[in-house]
Amino acid sequence: MGLDFKKDGHIAKVGLNIPETLNALGPDILFDLYKTWEECQEDDNIRVVILYSALPDMFCSGMDLNTAIPVLTAARKPETEGEKWLISDDNAVGKAMLKYKELDRPVIAAINGYCLTGGFEMSMGCELRVASEDAVFQMRETTLGIMPIGGSNVFLPIQIGSTRAMEILLTGNNFPASTLYEWGFLNRVVPKENLMDEAMALAERIASNGPLSVRNMVKLSRQIKELSIEEAMKKEIEIGFPVFMSEQAREGVRAQKEKRKPVFK
């Protein structure tokens, strides 16, 4: 449970497997993801990585409000190794979620079921994305009075255009896989039972190509943006974190826990 990691020839499979929280991203799983990307980078035999969910109807439910958020907002002191790591580096979340990506292998997201908030943001850090027909995507932070600060304000406009990105970010609505395929966010949409086979076929095709050319194309794609990822991510934190710590954000989270509509004053 937690993170499933398996090497299959030149392909590494990284699976979120936390049924008790619906694959919510808490400090310990974020730390495990960070260490896994480091391990993949150090292993020259790995040419492609597939990120997937071991749960049948949930890719990722987003950041864990009960563990990550209290530590990030200093509501309590860190206790576990993962919690201490989380506050030791301002870019820790971004590194775990592939925004500050030092791994120069392509990562393919194989997305099934609900892909929410932080999970959606992590998929934005992947080079390629394959989704099942039942996949649903949502960035709901604004409905909680929170501004997303995991890279979606930076990555999503680049990937699908600013107007479509703003619709996703500002409404908090659900978006089906078919829409995100039409908008260019997804490479493939396939029947649920074919998801991993399709992701593996794509990974195997890439892995059969020149490893040096693949690695350097992945590296180059991160370095040719007009504004560096690091600068854009810092700006997002600078503007977004005060929103995250506001009374409106606290009201949004309270309302979710109490199963009511928030009252924003």
Protein backbone atom coordinates (compact mmCIF):
# COMPACT_ATOMS: atom_id res chain seq x y z
CA MET A 1 0.00 0.00 0.00
CA GLY A 2 1.17 3.54 -0.71
CA LEU A 3 3.31 3.43 -3.80
CA ASP A 4 3.75 0.40 -6.05
CA PHE A 5 7.03 0.45 -7.95
CA LYS A 6 8.03 -2.12 -10.52
CA LYS A 7 10.60 -2.26 -13.31
CA ASP A 8 9.53 -4.08 -16.47
CA GLY A 9 12.48 -4.14 -18.85
CA HIS A 10 13.17 -0.52 -19.82
CA ILE A 11 9.85 0.66 -18.37
CA ALA A 12 9.21 1.66 -14.75
CA LYS A 13 5.65 1.48 -13.42
CA VAL A 14 4.75 3.78 -10.52
CA GLY A 15 1.32 3.12 -9.03
CA LEU A 16 -0.63 5.15 -6.47
CA ASN A 17 -2.20 2.63 -4.08
CA ILE A 18 -3.77 4.29 -1.01
CA PRO A 19 -7.38 3.08 -0.88
CA GLU A 20 -8.09 4.54 2.56
CA THR A 21 -7.62 8.11 1.27
CA LEU A 22 -8.51 7.53 -2.41
CA ASN A 23 -4.88 8.18 -3.37
CA ALA A 24 -4.76 11.56 -1.65
CA LEU A 25 -1.31 13.13 -1.73
CA GLY A 26 -0.06 13.33 1.84
CA PRO A 27 3.50 14.18 2.93
CA ASP A 28 4.70 10.57 3.06
CA ILE A 29 3.43 9.61 -0.40
CA LEU A 30 4.84 12.85 -1.83
CA PHE A 31 8.20 11.98 -0.30
CA ASP A 32 7.99 8.47 -1.74
CA LEU A 33 7.21 9.91 -5.18
CA TYR A 34 10.18 12.26 -4.94
CA LYS A 35 12.52 9.39 -4.02
CA THR A 36 11.07 7.23 -6.82
CA TRP A 37 11.76 9.90 -9.47
CA GLU A 38 15.32 10.11 -8.13
CA GLU A 39 15.72 6.33 -8.39
CA CYS A 40 14.42 6.35 -11.96
CA GLN A 41 16.89 9.11 -12.86
CA GLU A 42 19.80 7.13 -11.45
CA ASP A 43 18.90 3.93 -13.33
CA ASP A 44 20.15 4.19 -16.93
CA ASN A 45 18.21 1.03 -17.81
CA ILE A 46 14.91 2.90 -17.35
CA ARG A 47 13.82 4.70 -20.51
CA VAL A 48 10.14 5.45 -19.86
CA VAL A 49 7.98 5.74 -16.72
CA ILE A 50 4.24 5.04 -16.42
CA LEU A 51 2.34 6.72 -13.58
CA TYR A 52 -0.96 5.00 -12.83
CA SER A 53 -3.51 4.24 -10.10
CA ALA A 54 -4.03 0.82 -8.55
CA LEU A 55 -7.58 1.82 -7.56
CA PRO A 56 -10.44 0.99 -9.96
CA ASP A 57 -12.34 4.30 -9.99
CA MET A 58 -9.89 6.92 -8.71
CA PHE A 59 -6.64 8.18 -10.15
CA CYS A 60 -6.01 10.68 -7.36
CA SER A 61 -8.29 12.66 -5.03
CA GLY A 62 -5.81 15.53 -4.71
CA MET A 63 -3.81 16.89 -1.80
CA ASP A 64 -4.58 15.33 1.58
CA LEU A 65 -6.38 18.03 3.57
CA ASN A 66 -5.87 16.11 6.83
CA THR A 67 -2.10 15.65 6.59
CA ALA A 68 -0.34 17.80 3.98
CA ILE A 69 -2.30 21.02 4.47
CA PRO A 70 -1.86 21.29 8.29
CA VAL A 71 1.90 20.83 7.88
CA LEU A 72 2.22 23.21 4.93
CA THR A 73 0.24 25.92 6.73
CA ALA A 74 2.13 25.36 10.02
CA ALA A 75 -1.06 24.36 11.83
CA ARG A 76 1.02 21.64 13.47
CA LYS A 77 4.65 20.64 13.62
CA PRO A 78 5.98 17.94 11.27
CA GLU A 79 6.35 14.49 12.78
CA THR A 80 7.11 11.88 10.11
CA GLU A 81 10.12 11.83 7.79
CA GLY A 82 7.87 12.81 4.92
CA GLU A 83 6.40 15.76 6.81
CA LYS A 84 9.86 17.03 7.74
CA TRP A 85 10.97 16.73 4.11
CA LEU A 86 7.85 18.58 2.95
CA ILE A 87 8.74 21.77 4.81
CA SER A 88 12.51 21.47 4.30
CA ASP A 89 12.31 22.64 0.68
CA ASP A 90 9.96 25.28 -0.74
CA ASN A 91 9.90 23.29 -3.99
CA ALA A 92 9.23 19.89 -2.37
CA VAL A 93 5.64 19.55 -3.62
CA GLY A 94 6.64 20.67 -7.10
CA LYS A 95 9.45 18.13 -7.24
CA ALA A 96 7.20 15.27 -6.10
CA MET A 97 4.49 16.27 -8.59
CA LEU A 98 6.86 16.54 -11.58
CA LYS A 99 6.79 20.33 -11.89
CA TYR A 100 10.46 20.82 -11.04
CA LYS A 101 11.30 17.74 -13.08
CA GLU A 102 14.91 16.59 -12.91
CA LEU A 103 13.94 13.19 -14.35
CA ASP A 104 14.89 13.28 -18.04
CA ARG A 105 12.74 10.29 -19.02
CA PRO A 106 9.26 10.72 -20.45
CA VAL A 107 6.51 10.01 -17.91
CA ILE A 108 3.21 8.68 -19.24
CA ALA A 109 0.17 9.23 -17.03
CA ALA A 110 -2.38 6.39 -17.32
CA ILE A 111 -5.47 8.05 -15.87
CA ASN A 112 -8.67 6.29 -14.81
CA GLY A 113 -11.67 7.45 -12.83
CA TYR A 114 -11.51 10.76 -10.98
CA CYS A 115 -8.40 12.88 -11.46
CA LEU A 116 -8.84 15.74 -9.01
CA THR A 117 -6.89 18.88 -8.07
CA GLY A 118 -3.39 17.76 -7.05
CA GLY A 119 -3.74 14.57 -9.10
CA PHE A 120 -4.76 16.64 -12.13
CA GLU A 121 -1.77 18.91 -11.50
CA MET A 122 0.59 15.94 -11.30
CA SER A 123 -0.65 14.67 -14.65
CA MET A 124 0.22 18.10 -16.09
CA GLY A 125 3.85 17.38 -15.21
CA CYS A 126 3.85 14.24 -17.37
CA GLU A 127 4.99 14.34 -20.98
CA LEU A 128 2.18 12.12 -22.28
CA ARG A 129 -1.29 11.26 -21.00
CA VAL A 130 -3.58 8.32 -21.74
CA ALA A 131 -7.02 8.23 -20.11
CA SER A 132 -9.85 5.75 -19.83
CA GLU A 133 -13.27 6.72 -21.13
CA ASP A 134 -14.56 7.06 -17.56
CA ALA A 135 -11.90 9.56 -16.50
CA VAL A 136 -13.11 12.86 -15.03
CA PHE A 137 -10.87 15.88 -14.39
CA GLN A 138 -11.47 18.69 -11.93
CA MET A 139 -9.66 21.65 -10.37
CA ARG A 140 -12.03 22.58 -7.55
CA GLU A 141 -9.79 24.80 -5.39
CA THR A 142 -11.72 27.98 -6.17
CA THR A 143 -14.93 26.39 -4.84
CA LEU A 144 -13.12 26.07 -1.50
CA GLY A 145 -11.76 29.60 -1.60
CA ILE A 146 -8.29 28.24 -2.31
CA MET A 147 -6.01 29.09 -5.21
CA PRO A 148 -4.16 26.12 -6.71
CA ILE A 149 -0.40 26.37 -6.22
CA GLY A 150 0.77 23.02 -7.60
CA GLY A 151 1.58 24.36 -11.05
CA SER A 152 -1.78 24.37 -12.84
CA ASN A 153 -1.73 28.14 -13.36
CA VAL A 154 1.61 27.72 -15.10
CA PHE A 155 1.32 24.41 -16.97
CA LEU A 156 -2.32 24.21 -18.05
CA PRO A 157 -2.41 27.40 -20.20
CA ILE A 158 0.71 26.19 -22.02
CA GLN A 159 -0.80 22.78 -22.64
CA ILE A 160 -4.36 23.65 -23.73
CA GLY A 161 -4.43 27.43 -24.18
CA SER A 162 -5.29 30.18 -21.73
CA THR A 163 -9.06 30.41 -22.30
CA ARG A 164 -9.69 26.71 -21.83
CA ALA A 165 -7.32 26.58 -18.87
CA MET A 166 -9.12 29.49 -17.22
CA GLU A 167 -12.49 27.77 -17.67
CA ILE A 168 -11.16 24.72 -15.83
CA LEU A 169 -9.51 26.78 -13.09
CA LEU A 170 -12.23 29.38 -12.53
CA THR A 171 -15.34 27.18 -12.62
CA GLY A 172 -14.22 24.15 -10.60
CA ASN A 173 -16.43 22.04 -12.88
CA ASN A 174 -15.96 18.41 -13.90
CA PHE A 175 -14.51 17.82 -17.37
CA PRO A 176 -14.77 14.41 -19.07
CA ALA A 177 -11.85 12.75 -20.81
CA SER A 178 -13.51 13.32 -24.18
CA THR A 179 -13.37 17.10 -23.68
CA LEU A 180 -9.75 17.13 -22.58
CA TYR A 181 -8.83 14.94 -25.56
CA GLU A 182 -10.56 17.43 -27.86
CA TRP A 183 -8.66 20.26 -26.14
CA GLY A 184 -5.32 18.53 -26.68
CA PHE A 185 -4.52 17.62 -23.07
CA LEU A 186 -4.75 13.86 -23.67
CA ASN A 187 -2.93 11.72 -26.24
CA ARG A 188 -5.42 8.83 -26.13
CA VAL A 189 -8.83 8.00 -24.68
CA VAL A 190 -9.50 4.27 -24.54
CA PRO A 191 -11.90 1.79 -22.92
CA LYS A 192 -11.10 1.29 -19.25
CA GLU A 193 -9.99 -2.31 -19.73
CA ASN A 194 -7.44 -1.22 -22.36
CA LEU A 195 -5.84 1.60 -20.38
CA MET A 196 -2.62 -0.06 -19.21
CA ASP A 197 -2.18 -1.96 -22.46
CA GLU A 198 -2.36 1.32 -24.38
CA ALA A 199 0.05 3.04 -22.00
CA MET A 200 2.46 0.09 -22.22
CA ALA A 201 2.30 0.06 -26.03
CA LEU A 202 3.17 3.76 -26.08
CA ALA A 203 5.96 3.26 -23.54
CA GLU A 204 7.43 0.31 -25.45
CA ARG A 205 7.45 2.27 -28.70
CA ILE A 206 9.33 5.14 -27.06
CA ALA A 207 11.69 2.77 -25.23
CA SER A 208 12.71 1.22 -28.56
CA ASN A 209 14.08 4.58 -29.76
CA GLY A 210 17.47 6.10 -29.06
CA PRO A 211 17.72 6.61 -25.29
CA LEU A 212 20.02 9.61 -25.56
CA SER A 213 17.76 11.40 -28.05
CA VAL A 214 14.65 10.73 -25.95
CA ARG A 215 16.26 11.92 -22.72
CA ASN A 216 17.57 15.11 -24.28
CA MET A 217 14.28 15.94 -25.99
CA VAL A 218 12.53 15.63 -22.63
CA LYS A 219 15.18 17.85 -21.03
CA LEU A 220 14.99 20.41 -23.84
CA SER A 221 11.19 20.65 -23.69
CA ARG A 222 11.53 22.00 -20.13
CA GLN A 223 14.20 24.55 -20.97
CA ILE A 224 12.75 26.35 -23.99
CA LYS A 225 9.78 28.03 -22.35
CA GLU A 226 9.79 31.84 -22.46
CA LEU A 227 9.66 32.01 -18.67
CA SER A 228 11.49 29.27 -16.83
CA ILE A 229 9.39 26.74 -14.94
CA GLU A 230 11.23 27.70 -11.76
CA GLU A 231 10.44 31.42 -12.16
CA ALA A 232 6.80 30.78 -13.03
CA MET A 233 6.32 28.35 -10.15
CA LYS A 234 7.86 30.85 -7.71
CA LYS A 235 5.48 33.53 -8.95
CA GLU A 236 2.51 31.18 -8.50
CA ILE A 237 3.54 30.49 -4.88
CA GLU A 238 4.14 34.20 -4.24
CA ILE A 239 0.64 35.14 -5.40
CA GLY A 240 -1.26 32.00 -4.45
CA PHE A 241 -0.02 31.05 -0.98
CA PRO A 242 -1.58 34.05 0.81
CA VAL A 243 -4.91 32.99 -0.73
CA PHE A 244 -4.29 29.45 0.51
CA MET A 245 -3.84 30.76 4.08
CA SER A 246 -6.81 33.16 4.02
CA GLU A 247 -9.98 32.99 6.09
CA GLN A 248 -11.92 32.27 2.90
CA ALA A 249 -9.77 29.20 2.34
CA ARG A 250 -10.37 28.03 5.91
CA GLU A 251 -14.12 28.50 5.42
CA GLY A 252 -14.00 26.51 2.18
CA VAL A 253 -12.25 23.57 3.83
CA ARG A 254 -14.60 23.70 6.86
CA ALA A 255 -17.61 23.66 4.57
CA GLN A 256 -16.32 20.63 2.71
CA LYS A 257 -15.83 18.71 5.95
CA GLU A 258 -19.28 19.77 7.17
CA LYS A 259 -20.87 18.89 3.80
CA ARG A 260 -22.38 22.33 3.19
CA LYS A 261 -21.94 25.21 0.78
CA PRO A 262 -19.24 27.65 1.87
CA VAL A 263 -20.15 31.18 2.84
CA PHE A 264 -17.44 33.48 1.54
CA LYS A 265 -17.38 36.92 3.21
